[in-house]
Protein backbone atom coordinates (compact mmCIF):
# COMPACT_ATOMS: atom_id res chain seq x y z
CA MET A 1 5.38 19.34 -25.42
CA ILE A 2 3.63 19.28 -22.05
CA VAL A 3 1.75 16.16 -20.94
CA VAL A 4 -1.13 16.61 -18.49
CA THR A 5 -2.41 13.56 -16.62
CA GLY A 6 -5.84 13.71 -15.00
CA ALA A 7 -6.77 16.00 -17.87
CA THR A 8 -10.54 15.62 -17.51
CA GLY A 9 -10.68 16.54 -13.80
CA ASN A 10 -11.46 19.76 -11.98
CA VAL A 11 -7.81 20.87 -12.21
CA GLY A 12 -6.86 19.10 -15.42
CA ARG A 13 -9.51 20.68 -17.62
CA PRO A 14 -8.62 24.33 -16.90
CA LEU A 15 -4.92 23.44 -16.90
CA VAL A 16 -5.11 22.01 -20.42
CA GLN A 17 -7.11 25.04 -21.57
CA GLY A 18 -4.65 27.44 -19.96
CA LEU A 19 -1.61 25.81 -21.53
CA ALA A 20 -3.24 25.68 -24.95
CA ALA A 21 -4.25 29.34 -24.67
CA ALA A 22 -0.61 30.17 -23.88
CA GLY A 23 0.45 28.52 -27.13
CA GLU A 24 1.92 25.35 -25.65
CA GLN A 25 1.79 21.99 -27.41
CA VAL A 26 -0.31 19.87 -25.02
CA THR A 27 -1.17 16.20 -24.70
CA ALA A 28 -4.16 15.57 -22.45
CA VAL A 29 -4.16 12.16 -20.76
CA SER A 30 -7.05 10.34 -19.11
CA ARG A 31 -8.02 6.75 -18.45
CA ARG A 32 -11.20 7.03 -20.50
CA PRO A 33 -12.00 8.54 -23.91
CA ALA A 34 -12.55 12.29 -23.76
CA GLU A 35 -12.85 15.34 -25.95
CA ALA A 36 -9.97 17.79 -25.87
CA PRO A 37 -9.91 21.50 -26.77
CA GLU A 38 -9.04 22.36 -30.35
CA GLY A 39 -5.36 21.87 -31.01
CA VAL A 40 -4.84 19.56 -28.01
CA ARG A 41 -4.01 15.90 -28.51
CA HIS A 42 -5.79 13.40 -26.26
CA ARG A 43 -4.40 9.99 -25.32
CA GLN A 44 -5.66 7.26 -23.02
CA ALA A 45 -3.27 5.89 -20.39
CA ASP A 46 -3.37 4.67 -16.80
CA LEU A 47 -0.81 5.72 -14.20
CA ALA A 48 -1.30 2.35 -12.51
CA GLU A 49 0.19 0.86 -15.70
CA PRO A 50 3.29 2.98 -16.38
CA GLU A 51 4.05 1.26 -19.68
CA SER A 52 0.81 2.73 -21.05
CA LEU A 53 2.51 6.14 -20.71
CA ARG A 54 5.58 5.28 -22.79
CA THR A 55 4.29 6.41 -26.19
CA VAL A 56 2.41 9.32 -24.59
CA LEU A 57 5.57 10.72 -22.98
CA ASN A 58 7.88 10.17 -25.92
CA GLY A 59 9.22 13.60 -26.86
CA ALA A 60 7.64 15.40 -23.89
CA ASP A 61 9.49 18.21 -22.12
CA ALA A 62 7.28 18.52 -19.05
CA LEU A 63 4.75 16.42 -17.14
CA PHE A 64 1.89 17.41 -14.86
CA LEU A 65 1.37 14.43 -12.57
CA LEU A 66 -1.94 13.96 -10.81
CA VAL A 67 -2.75 10.63 -9.18
CA SER A 68 -6.27 9.70 -8.14
CA GLY A 69 -7.12 9.09 -4.51
CA ALA A 70 -4.03 9.25 -2.34
CA GLY A 71 -1.80 7.55 -4.89
CA GLY A 72 -1.53 4.16 -3.24
CA HIS A 73 -2.11 2.34 -6.54
CA VAL A 74 0.90 3.76 -8.43
CA ASN A 75 4.59 2.89 -8.60
CA PRO A 76 6.43 6.23 -8.42
CA GLN A 77 9.78 4.96 -9.68
CA ALA A 78 8.24 3.15 -12.65
CA ILE A 79 6.42 6.34 -13.70
CA LEU A 80 9.60 8.38 -13.36
CA ASP A 81 11.63 5.86 -15.35
CA VAL A 82 9.16 6.07 -18.24
CA ALA A 83 9.10 9.87 -18.01
CA LYS A 84 12.88 10.13 -18.15
CA ALA A 85 13.04 7.71 -21.07
CA GLY A 86 10.60 9.92 -22.95
CA GLY A 87 12.75 13.01 -22.45
CA VAL A 88 10.82 14.73 -19.65
CA ARG A 89 12.96 17.31 -17.89
CA ARG A 90 10.38 19.04 -15.69
CA ILE A 91 7.65 17.54 -13.53
CA VAL A 92 4.91 19.29 -11.57
CA LEU A 93 3.16 17.10 -9.01
CA GLN A 94 -0.26 17.81 -7.57
CA SER A 95 0.08 16.42 -4.06
CA SER A 96 -1.94 17.42 -1.00
CA GLN A 97 -1.58 19.84 1.87
CA ALA A 98 -1.89 16.90 4.26
CA ALA A 99 1.32 15.37 2.90
CA GLY A 100 3.05 18.18 4.75
CA THR A 101 0.74 18.93 7.65
CA ARG A 102 0.25 15.28 8.69
CA PRO A 103 3.64 13.62 8.16
CA GLU A 104 2.77 10.56 10.25
CA SER A 105 -0.66 9.86 8.74
CA ASP A 106 -1.23 6.62 6.87
CA SER A 107 -3.80 8.28 4.63
CA HIS A 108 -1.27 10.36 2.73
CA SER A 109 1.87 8.23 2.99
CA PRO A 110 1.71 7.22 -0.72
CA LEU A 111 1.77 10.90 -1.70
CA ARG A 112 4.76 11.51 0.57
CA GLU A 113 6.52 8.59 -1.10
CA LEU A 114 5.70 10.06 -4.50
CA GLU A 115 6.99 13.47 -3.45
CA GLY A 116 10.23 11.94 -2.22
CA ALA A 117 10.79 9.97 -5.42
CA ILE A 118 10.29 13.11 -7.53
CA GLN A 119 12.61 15.17 -5.35
CA GLN A 120 15.33 12.54 -5.79
CA SER A 121 14.68 12.02 -9.51
CA GLY A 122 17.24 14.45 -10.89
CA LEU A 123 14.46 16.26 -12.80
CA ASP A 124 13.38 19.84 -12.26
CA TRP A 125 10.38 19.50 -9.96
CA THR A 126 7.66 21.57 -8.37
CA ILE A 127 5.20 20.21 -5.82
CA LEU A 128 1.74 21.70 -5.36
CA ARG A 129 0.02 21.00 -2.06
CA PRO A 130 -3.58 22.24 -2.28
CA GLY A 131 -5.92 22.17 0.67
CA GLY A 132 -9.56 21.17 0.35
CA PHE A 133 -11.11 21.86 -3.05
CA ALA A 134 -14.07 24.19 -3.55
CA SER A 135 -15.26 21.67 -6.13
CA ASN A 136 -15.81 19.05 -3.42
CA ALA A 137 -19.16 20.82 -3.11
CA PHE A 138 -20.24 19.08 -6.33
CA ALA A 139 -20.98 16.13 -4.02
CA TRP A 140 -23.90 18.18 -2.73
CA ALA A 141 -25.35 18.93 -6.15
CA GLU A 142 -28.02 16.22 -6.21
CA THR A 143 -29.58 17.11 -2.86
CA VAL A 144 -29.36 20.83 -3.61
CA ARG A 145 -31.19 20.28 -6.89
CA SER A 146 -33.86 17.97 -5.45
CA GLN A 147 -34.32 19.24 -1.89
CA ARG A 148 -32.37 22.50 -1.57
CA THR A 149 -30.35 20.91 1.24
CA VAL A 150 -26.70 20.22 1.98
CA THR A 151 -25.73 17.40 4.35
CA ALA A 152 -22.18 17.37 5.75
CA PRO A 153 -20.28 16.86 9.02
CA PHE A 154 -18.56 19.52 11.13
CA GLY A 155 -20.76 22.33 9.92
CA ASP A 156 -18.96 25.07 11.83
CA VAL A 157 -15.33 24.07 11.27
CA ALA A 158 -13.70 26.48 8.84
CA LEU A 159 -11.01 25.69 6.25
CA PRO A 160 -9.58 27.86 3.42
CA THR A 161 -10.81 25.80 0.46
CA VAL A 162 -9.09 26.47 -2.86
CA ASP A 163 -10.63 26.92 -6.30
CA PRO A 164 -9.29 24.26 -8.71
CA ALA A 165 -8.97 26.98 -11.34
CA ASP A 166 -6.34 28.65 -9.14
CA ILE A 167 -4.45 25.36 -8.81
CA ALA A 168 -4.51 25.07 -12.60
CA GLU A 169 -3.15 28.60 -13.07
CA VAL A 170 -0.31 27.93 -10.65
CA ALA A 171 0.43 24.69 -12.50
CA VAL A 172 0.56 26.57 -15.82
CA ALA A 173 3.17 28.90 -14.33
CA ALA A 174 5.22 26.05 -12.87
CA LEU A 175 5.17 24.03 -16.10
CA ARG A 176 6.20 26.96 -18.29
CA ASP A 177 8.70 28.76 -16.02
CA GLY A 178 11.81 27.04 -14.73
CA GLY A 179 11.99 29.57 -11.91
CA HIS A 180 9.62 27.39 -9.89
CA ALA A 181 11.96 24.39 -9.87
CA GLY A 182 12.71 22.95 -6.44
CA ARG A 183 9.74 24.72 -4.83
CA THR A 184 6.84 23.31 -2.82
CA TYR A 185 3.74 25.49 -2.81
CA GLU A 186 0.79 25.26 -0.44
CA LEU A 187 -2.37 26.41 -2.19
CA THR A 188 -5.46 27.67 -0.34
CA GLY A 189 -8.31 30.07 -0.85
CA PRO A 190 -8.30 33.64 0.54
CA ALA A 191 -10.22 32.91 3.76
CA SER A 192 -11.49 30.05 5.85
CA ILE A 193 -15.11 29.06 5.30
CA THR A 194 -17.36 26.50 6.99
CA SER A 195 -19.57 23.94 5.28
CA ARG A 196 -22.59 25.82 6.57
CA GLN A 197 -21.30 29.02 4.95
CA ARG A 198 -20.56 27.20 1.68
CA ALA A 199 -24.16 25.95 1.59
CA GLN A 200 -25.31 29.53 2.12
CA ALA A 201 -23.06 30.73 -0.74
CA ILE A 202 -24.57 28.15 -3.08
CA GLY A 203 -28.03 29.35 -2.07
CA GLU A 204 -27.05 32.95 -2.77
CA ALA A 205 -25.74 31.95 -6.21
CA LEU A 206 -29.05 30.18 -6.88
CA GLY A 207 -31.14 33.00 -5.49
CA THR A 208 -32.94 30.66 -3.10
CA PRO A 209 -32.09 29.39 0.42
CA VAL A 210 -30.23 26.10 0.85
CA ARG A 211 -30.73 24.41 4.21
CA PHE A 212 -27.72 22.86 5.99
CA ILE A 213 -28.15 19.50 7.76
CA GLU A 214 -25.26 18.38 9.94
CA GLN A 215 -24.16 14.74 9.75
CA SER A 216 -22.52 12.83 12.55
CA ARG A 217 -18.94 11.73 12.02
CA GLU A 218 -20.15 8.12 11.81
CA GLU A 219 -22.71 8.96 9.11
CA ALA A 220 -20.12 10.83 7.08
CA ARG A 221 -17.61 8.00 7.44
CA ALA A 222 -20.11 5.39 6.20
CA GLN A 223 -20.81 7.56 3.17
CA MET A 224 -17.11 8.13 2.40
CA LEU A 225 -16.28 4.43 2.64
CA GLN A 226 -18.47 3.84 -0.40
CA PHE A 227 -15.81 5.46 -2.60
CA MET A 228 -12.66 5.93 -0.44
CA PRO A 229 -10.20 3.50 1.15
CA GLU A 230 -10.61 3.41 4.92
CA PRO A 231 -7.32 5.21 5.78
CA VAL A 232 -8.16 8.03 3.36
CA ALA A 233 -11.69 8.41 4.74
CA ASP A 234 -10.41 8.54 8.32
CA GLY A 235 -7.64 10.96 7.42
CA THR A 236 -10.05 13.23 5.58
CA LEU A 237 -12.47 13.27 8.51
CA SER A 238 -9.64 14.17 10.88
CA ILE A 239 -8.76 17.18 8.74
CA LEU A 240 -12.38 18.25 8.36
CA GLY A 241 -13.20 17.82 12.03
CA GLU A 242 -9.96 18.59 13.85
CA PRO A 243 -7.81 20.67 11.50
CA SER A 244 -4.41 21.78 12.71
CA ALA A 245 -3.44 25.44 12.81
CA ALA A 246 -1.39 24.86 9.63
CA GLU A 247 -4.44 23.47 7.84
CA GLN A 248 -6.52 26.51 8.81
CA ARG A 249 -3.84 28.98 7.75
CA VAL A 250 -4.34 30.98 4.56
CA SER A 251 -1.26 30.49 2.40
CA PRO A 252 0.21 33.43 0.46
CA ASP A 253 1.50 31.21 -2.37
CA VAL A 254 -1.37 31.64 -4.87
CA GLU A 255 -1.12 35.42 -4.65
CA ARG A 256 2.69 35.36 -4.83
CA ILE A 257 2.66 33.31 -8.03
CA LEU A 258 -0.38 34.75 -9.80
CA GLY A 259 -0.15 38.35 -8.60
CA ARG A 260 -3.76 38.40 -7.41
CA SER A 261 -5.83 37.11 -4.52
CA PRO A 262 -7.17 33.55 -4.73
CA ARG A 263 -10.77 33.18 -5.88
CA THR A 264 -13.38 32.92 -3.14
CA PHE A 265 -15.80 30.04 -2.68
CA ALA A 266 -18.65 32.41 -3.55
CA GLU A 267 -16.99 33.10 -6.91
CA TRP A 268 -16.67 29.36 -7.50
CA ALA A 269 -20.36 28.87 -6.64
CA VAL A 270 -21.50 31.55 -9.09
CA ARG A 271 -19.31 30.12 -11.87
CA ASN A 272 -20.66 26.59 -11.29
CA VAL A 273 -24.23 27.38 -10.30
CA ALA A 274 -25.67 25.40 -13.22
CA ALA A 275 -24.68 22.16 -11.47
CA PHE A 276 -26.99 23.03 -8.56
CA ARG A 277 -30.08 24.25 -10.45
């Protein structure tokens, strides 16, 4: 049995579907009630309360671990202890590119701690480090629907955003194939793209222009602080505004694992255009 935490998210949903389609026995885990695909068991649990995972993980072979935010609210060792007690032998962690590219940053230190605990756990492990998600553009959906505008900072800074569906497919491979044990994969899209260009791609998917309005860093920070801890907001803005060469690099890992090029942002926009209508 494979247990998927964060099963209702942008990665978790296609991951659960992909595992079920491959014939795996899957338990989908989320903090709130949710519907699961046919044949998939759903359970409620909270990673901030590891004991809530005990019955969920009992009899599991593999665990996909996804922590919300930057993971500062979880106890890595407590989660691993419960996983081992349940019989888990393989763990795939969704971390973040910044855990590797910004080793001194406070914003992603909890994820680095989590990575370290998993690497020392004695379990087979694989770490996925995706860059920025294409699905972050869902934050623009309301203003695109109502005003046909996108408001964001750093309109001409380009980053190779990754489609969550590609992350999910890589996770399916890592959970099912022991050949990925001990590997850390950096996951990006096929090319760098700016926020301005992403707004244009959404407009093209809609068949109508979408106007881009550039925010100041201060405006963007005030907005982020409404739903992000301060260190995470500041760390995110640093990546968006002053990315390192490593953060702008297109990684070959998605293509190596899946045998095809990563999906483009334009493909993501077409597939999710209903959210912007």
